[in-house]
Protein backbone atom coordinates (compact mmCIF):
# COMPACT_ATOMS: atom_id res chain seq x y z
CA MET A 1 -0.61 -2.17 17.12
CA ARG A 2 0.41 -1.24 20.64
CA ASP A 3 0.82 2.24 22.12
CA HIS A 4 -0.50 4.12 19.10
CA PRO A 5 2.20 6.55 17.96
CA ARG A 6 1.53 9.85 16.23
CA ILE A 7 1.65 9.20 12.50
CA ALA A 8 1.83 11.93 9.85
CA VAL A 9 1.51 11.29 6.12
CA LEU A 10 3.29 13.55 3.62
CA ILE A 11 1.85 13.59 0.09
CA PRO A 12 3.65 15.73 -2.53
CA ALA A 13 1.19 16.62 -5.28
CA LEU A 14 1.36 18.28 -8.67
CA ASN A 15 -1.84 18.42 -10.73
CA GLU A 16 -3.39 15.29 -9.21
CA GLU A 17 -7.03 16.38 -8.92
CA ALA A 18 -8.25 13.08 -10.39
CA ALA A 19 -6.18 10.67 -8.28
CA LEU A 20 -5.68 12.51 -4.99
CA PRO A 21 -9.28 12.12 -3.68
CA HIS A 22 -8.89 8.33 -3.94
CA VAL A 23 -5.59 8.44 -2.06
CA LEU A 24 -7.09 10.49 0.75
CA ALA A 25 -10.25 8.38 0.91
CA ASP A 26 -8.28 5.13 1.28
CA LEU A 27 -5.94 6.25 4.05
CA PRO A 28 -6.70 4.45 7.35
CA ARG A 29 -7.73 7.53 9.32
CA ALA A 30 -8.04 5.58 12.58
CA ILE A 31 -4.25 5.38 12.90
CA VAL A 32 -3.23 8.55 11.02
CA ASP A 33 -3.02 11.76 13.05
CA GLU A 34 -2.21 14.25 10.28
CA ILE A 35 -2.31 14.23 6.50
CA VAL A 36 -0.22 16.90 4.81
CA VAL A 37 -0.56 17.54 1.08
CA ILE A 38 2.28 19.64 -0.30
CA ASP A 39 1.08 21.43 -3.41
CA ASN A 40 4.02 21.76 -5.77
CA GLY A 41 2.54 24.37 -8.09
CA SER A 42 -0.66 22.72 -9.31
CA VAL A 43 -2.83 24.58 -11.81
CA ASP A 44 -5.83 22.28 -11.47
CA HIS A 45 -8.11 21.62 -8.48
CA THR A 46 -5.60 19.59 -6.45
CA VAL A 47 -5.62 22.08 -3.55
CA ALA A 48 -9.40 22.24 -3.38
CA MET A 49 -9.67 18.46 -3.43
CA ALA A 50 -7.15 18.14 -0.59
CA CYS A 51 -8.88 20.78 1.52
CA SER A 52 -12.30 19.25 1.04
CA ALA A 53 -10.94 15.91 2.27
CA GLY A 54 -9.65 17.49 5.49
CA ALA A 55 -5.94 17.41 4.70
CA THR A 56 -3.53 20.11 5.80
CA VAL A 57 -2.33 21.84 2.64
CA ILE A 58 0.93 23.71 2.34
CA SER A 59 2.43 25.31 -0.75
CA GLU A 60 5.90 24.76 -2.17
CA PRO A 61 6.11 26.59 -5.51
CA LEU A 62 9.70 25.46 -6.17
CA ARG A 63 9.15 22.43 -8.37
CA GLY A 64 10.69 19.12 -7.43
CA TYR A 65 9.71 16.05 -5.42
CA GLY A 66 12.44 16.70 -2.89
CA SER A 67 11.45 20.36 -2.56
CA ALA A 68 7.91 19.31 -1.70
CA CYS A 69 9.10 16.72 0.83
CA LEU A 70 11.43 19.23 2.50
CA ALA A 71 8.55 21.68 2.85
CA GLY A 72 6.46 18.96 4.45
CA ILE A 73 9.23 18.11 6.92
CA ALA A 74 9.61 21.79 7.84
CA HIS A 75 5.88 21.88 8.62
CA LEU A 76 6.09 18.74 10.78
CA LYS A 77 8.75 20.28 13.01
CA SER A 78 5.93 22.19 14.67
CA THR A 79 3.74 19.10 15.22
CA THR A 80 6.52 16.53 15.91
CA PRO A 81 4.96 13.21 14.91
CA ASP A 82 6.58 9.94 15.92
CA ILE A 83 6.46 8.42 12.45
CA VAL A 84 6.37 10.03 9.01
CA VAL A 85 4.94 8.16 6.03
CA PHE A 86 5.71 9.30 2.47
CA LEU A 87 3.07 8.50 -0.13
CA ASP A 88 2.60 9.55 -3.75
CA ALA A 89 -0.53 11.38 -4.86
CA ASP A 90 -1.14 9.43 -8.08
CA TYR A 91 -2.91 6.43 -6.49
CA SER A 92 -0.35 3.93 -7.76
CA ASP A 93 0.32 2.81 -4.19
CA TYR A 94 -2.43 1.36 -2.01
CA PRO A 95 -2.89 3.78 0.92
CA ASP A 96 -4.62 1.07 2.93
CA ASP A 97 -1.27 -0.78 3.03
CA LEU A 98 -0.07 1.89 5.47
CA PRO A 99 -0.49 -0.34 8.58
CA THR A 100 1.81 -2.89 6.94
CA VAL A 101 4.43 -0.22 6.26
CA VAL A 102 4.49 1.23 9.79
CA GLN A 103 4.14 -2.08 11.67
CA PRO A 104 7.90 -2.91 11.77
CA ILE A 105 8.58 0.47 13.40
CA ILE A 106 5.82 0.13 15.98
CA ASP A 107 6.17 -3.53 16.88
CA GLU A 108 9.72 -4.52 15.96
CA GLY A 109 11.84 -1.47 16.69
CA TYR A 110 12.88 -0.59 13.16
CA ASP A 111 13.68 2.99 12.22
CA PHE A 112 13.02 2.96 8.48
CA VAL A 113 10.74 0.85 6.30
CA ILE A 114 10.59 0.70 2.50
CA GLY A 115 7.40 -0.49 0.87
CA SER A 116 8.81 -2.80 -1.78
CA ARG A 117 6.85 -2.97 -4.99
CA THR A 118 9.08 -5.72 -6.37
CA LYS A 119 8.44 -7.95 -3.35
CA GLY A 120 4.76 -7.13 -3.35
CA GLY A 121 4.07 -8.00 -6.95
CA ALA A 122 3.42 -4.86 -9.00
CA ALA A 123 0.44 -5.10 -11.34
CA PRO A 124 1.24 -5.62 -15.03
CA GLY A 125 2.15 -2.32 -16.69
CA SER A 126 2.49 -0.42 -13.42
CA LEU A 127 6.30 -0.37 -13.41
CA LEU A 128 7.58 0.60 -16.84
CA LEU A 129 10.65 -1.15 -18.24
CA GLN A 130 12.84 1.92 -17.78
CA ALA A 131 11.74 2.18 -14.15
CA ARG A 132 12.51 -1.49 -13.50
CA LEU A 133 15.96 -1.24 -15.10
CA GLY A 134 16.82 1.96 -13.25
CA ASN A 135 15.58 0.48 -10.00
CA SER A 136 17.68 -2.66 -10.45
CA LEU A 137 20.84 -0.71 -11.31
CA ALA A 138 20.49 1.69 -8.40
CA THR A 139 19.84 -1.02 -5.81
CA PHE A 140 22.76 -3.06 -7.19
CA LEU A 141 25.09 -0.07 -6.81
CA ILE A 142 23.85 0.63 -3.28
CA ARG A 143 24.57 -2.97 -2.34
CA LEU A 144 28.02 -2.78 -3.98
CA LEU A 145 29.05 0.58 -2.50
CA TYR A 146 27.21 0.66 0.83
CA GLY A 147 26.63 -2.98 1.70
CA PHE A 148 22.85 -3.00 2.05
CA ALA A 149 20.54 -5.03 -0.18
CA TYR A 150 17.46 -2.97 -0.96
CA SER A 151 15.02 -4.43 -3.47
CA ASP A 152 13.32 -1.18 -4.44
CA LEU A 153 13.44 2.62 -4.37
CA GLY A 154 9.71 2.72 -3.78
CA PRO A 155 8.14 6.02 -2.71
CA PHE A 156 5.82 4.43 -0.10
CA ARG A 157 7.97 4.46 3.04
CA ALA A 158 7.91 5.19 6.76
CA ILE A 159 10.58 6.51 9.10
CA ARG A 160 10.84 7.69 12.67
CA PHE A 161 10.66 11.49 12.53
CA SER A 162 13.61 11.93 14.88
CA ARG A 163 15.79 9.71 12.69
CA LEU A 164 14.60 11.47 9.54
CA LEU A 165 15.84 14.79 10.92
CA GLU A 166 19.22 13.19 11.61
CA LEU A 167 19.60 12.41 7.91
CA LYS A 168 19.70 16.12 7.00
CA MET A 169 17.95 15.51 3.70
CA ALA A 170 18.92 17.93 0.95
CA ASP A 171 17.97 16.72 -2.54
CA ARG A 172 15.22 18.74 -4.19
CA THR A 173 14.48 16.65 -7.25
CA TYR A 174 14.73 13.04 -8.42
CA GLY A 175 17.45 11.92 -5.99
CA TRP A 176 15.31 12.23 -2.86
CA ASN A 177 14.40 8.57 -2.35
CA VAL A 178 17.87 7.18 -3.02
CA GLU A 179 19.47 9.87 -0.85
CA MET A 180 17.27 8.81 2.06
CA GLN A 181 18.09 5.14 1.58
CA ILE A 182 21.84 5.71 1.37
CA LYS A 183 21.92 8.05 4.36
CA ALA A 184 19.85 5.59 6.38
CA VAL A 185 22.49 2.92 5.79
CA ARG A 186 25.37 5.28 6.56
CA ARG A 187 23.71 6.44 9.80
CA ASN A 188 23.14 2.81 10.89
CA LEU A 189 19.37 3.03 11.02
CA ARG A 190 17.52 -0.24 11.52
CA ILE A 191 16.08 -0.82 8.06
CA THR A 192 13.68 -3.34 6.62
CA GLU A 193 11.35 -3.78 3.66
CA VAL A 194 7.76 -4.97 3.46
CA PRO A 195 5.86 -6.02 0.35
CA VAL A 196 3.29 -3.51 -0.89
CA ARG A 197 0.88 -3.57 -3.78
CA TYR A 198 1.31 -1.30 -6.80
CA ARG A 199 -0.95 -0.47 -9.75
CA LYS A 200 -0.94 1.71 -12.84
CA ARG A 201 -1.07 5.32 -11.76
CA GLY A 202 -4.21 7.40 -12.13
CA GLY A 203 -4.28 10.40 -14.45
CA GLY A 204 -2.04 9.10 -17.24
CA GLU A 205 1.64 8.25 -17.48
CA SER A 206 4.17 9.11 -14.80
CA LYS A 207 5.62 12.62 -14.93
CA VAL A 208 9.04 11.03 -14.56
CA SER A 209 9.35 7.53 -16.05
CA GLY A 210 6.51 8.18 -18.50
CA THR A 211 8.57 10.68 -20.51
CA LEU A 212 11.98 10.42 -22.17
CA LYS A 213 13.19 13.65 -20.60
CA GLY A 214 12.01 12.64 -17.15
CA THR A 215 13.59 9.19 -17.45
CA ILE A 216 16.97 10.62 -18.47
CA LEU A 217 17.00 13.34 -15.80
CA ALA A 218 15.86 10.99 -13.06
CA GLY A 219 18.36 8.31 -14.06
CA TYR A 220 21.23 10.77 -14.09
CA LYS A 221 20.30 12.29 -10.73
CA ILE A 222 19.82 8.92 -9.04
CA LEU A 223 23.20 7.63 -10.23
CA TRP A 224 24.91 10.91 -9.34
CA THR A 225 23.46 10.67 -5.84
CA VAL A 226 24.53 7.04 -5.42
CA PHE A 227 28.16 7.88 -6.23
CA ARG A 228 28.16 11.25 -4.45
CA TYR A 229 27.85 9.80 -0.96
CA ALA A 230 30.34 6.96 -1.50
CA ARG A 231 33.22 9.18 -0.30
CA ALA A 232 31.32 11.80 1.67
CA PRO A 233 31.78 11.96 5.46
CA VAL A 234 28.98 10.38 7.49
């Protein structure tokens, strides 16, 4: 990589004391300038684990993945990184794939990179059937309504911080990822995907796709978000 940019990693976390230490240990610290763990109301030792690993920890008691990400972005306005990487705390992604995810921004001039689990070959059992079906439907609708062919709504992603602020992200729950991807298309960001590895999450089933309630709520919010922006002004 040339001309090392300032890279910040945002990790929303809710009760991930078992998995989070592995995530933090596997991050390539040589190219990461700041790691921010956003505690979303954990009642276990998530905060202590993050602090002991040297991460910056901020609190966002309002539950929701988007709420945690928005709190992380608000924090980064004071440190102004060049690139922001979003990464889950459950160790389903491979943190050491981070150089692959940021490389198109650094070397090829892209603004926004999705780490595609479907292109990377997710491990058996890592993407549940309901997650695969929801992913396929959402990406199909984005292609139909917005004209861009994503292959995944994967959480492992990187974006130029300045372009992220332009998106004026708002969703506080399950629609966060798809909102970002739609707004990136509508704002004419240079977008690409790279294959990333994916495994079964640590600490049990997903809080979203691993439960019937979570699957229904997430599915509804994702579809609502897809259709919401179809007629909204850019």
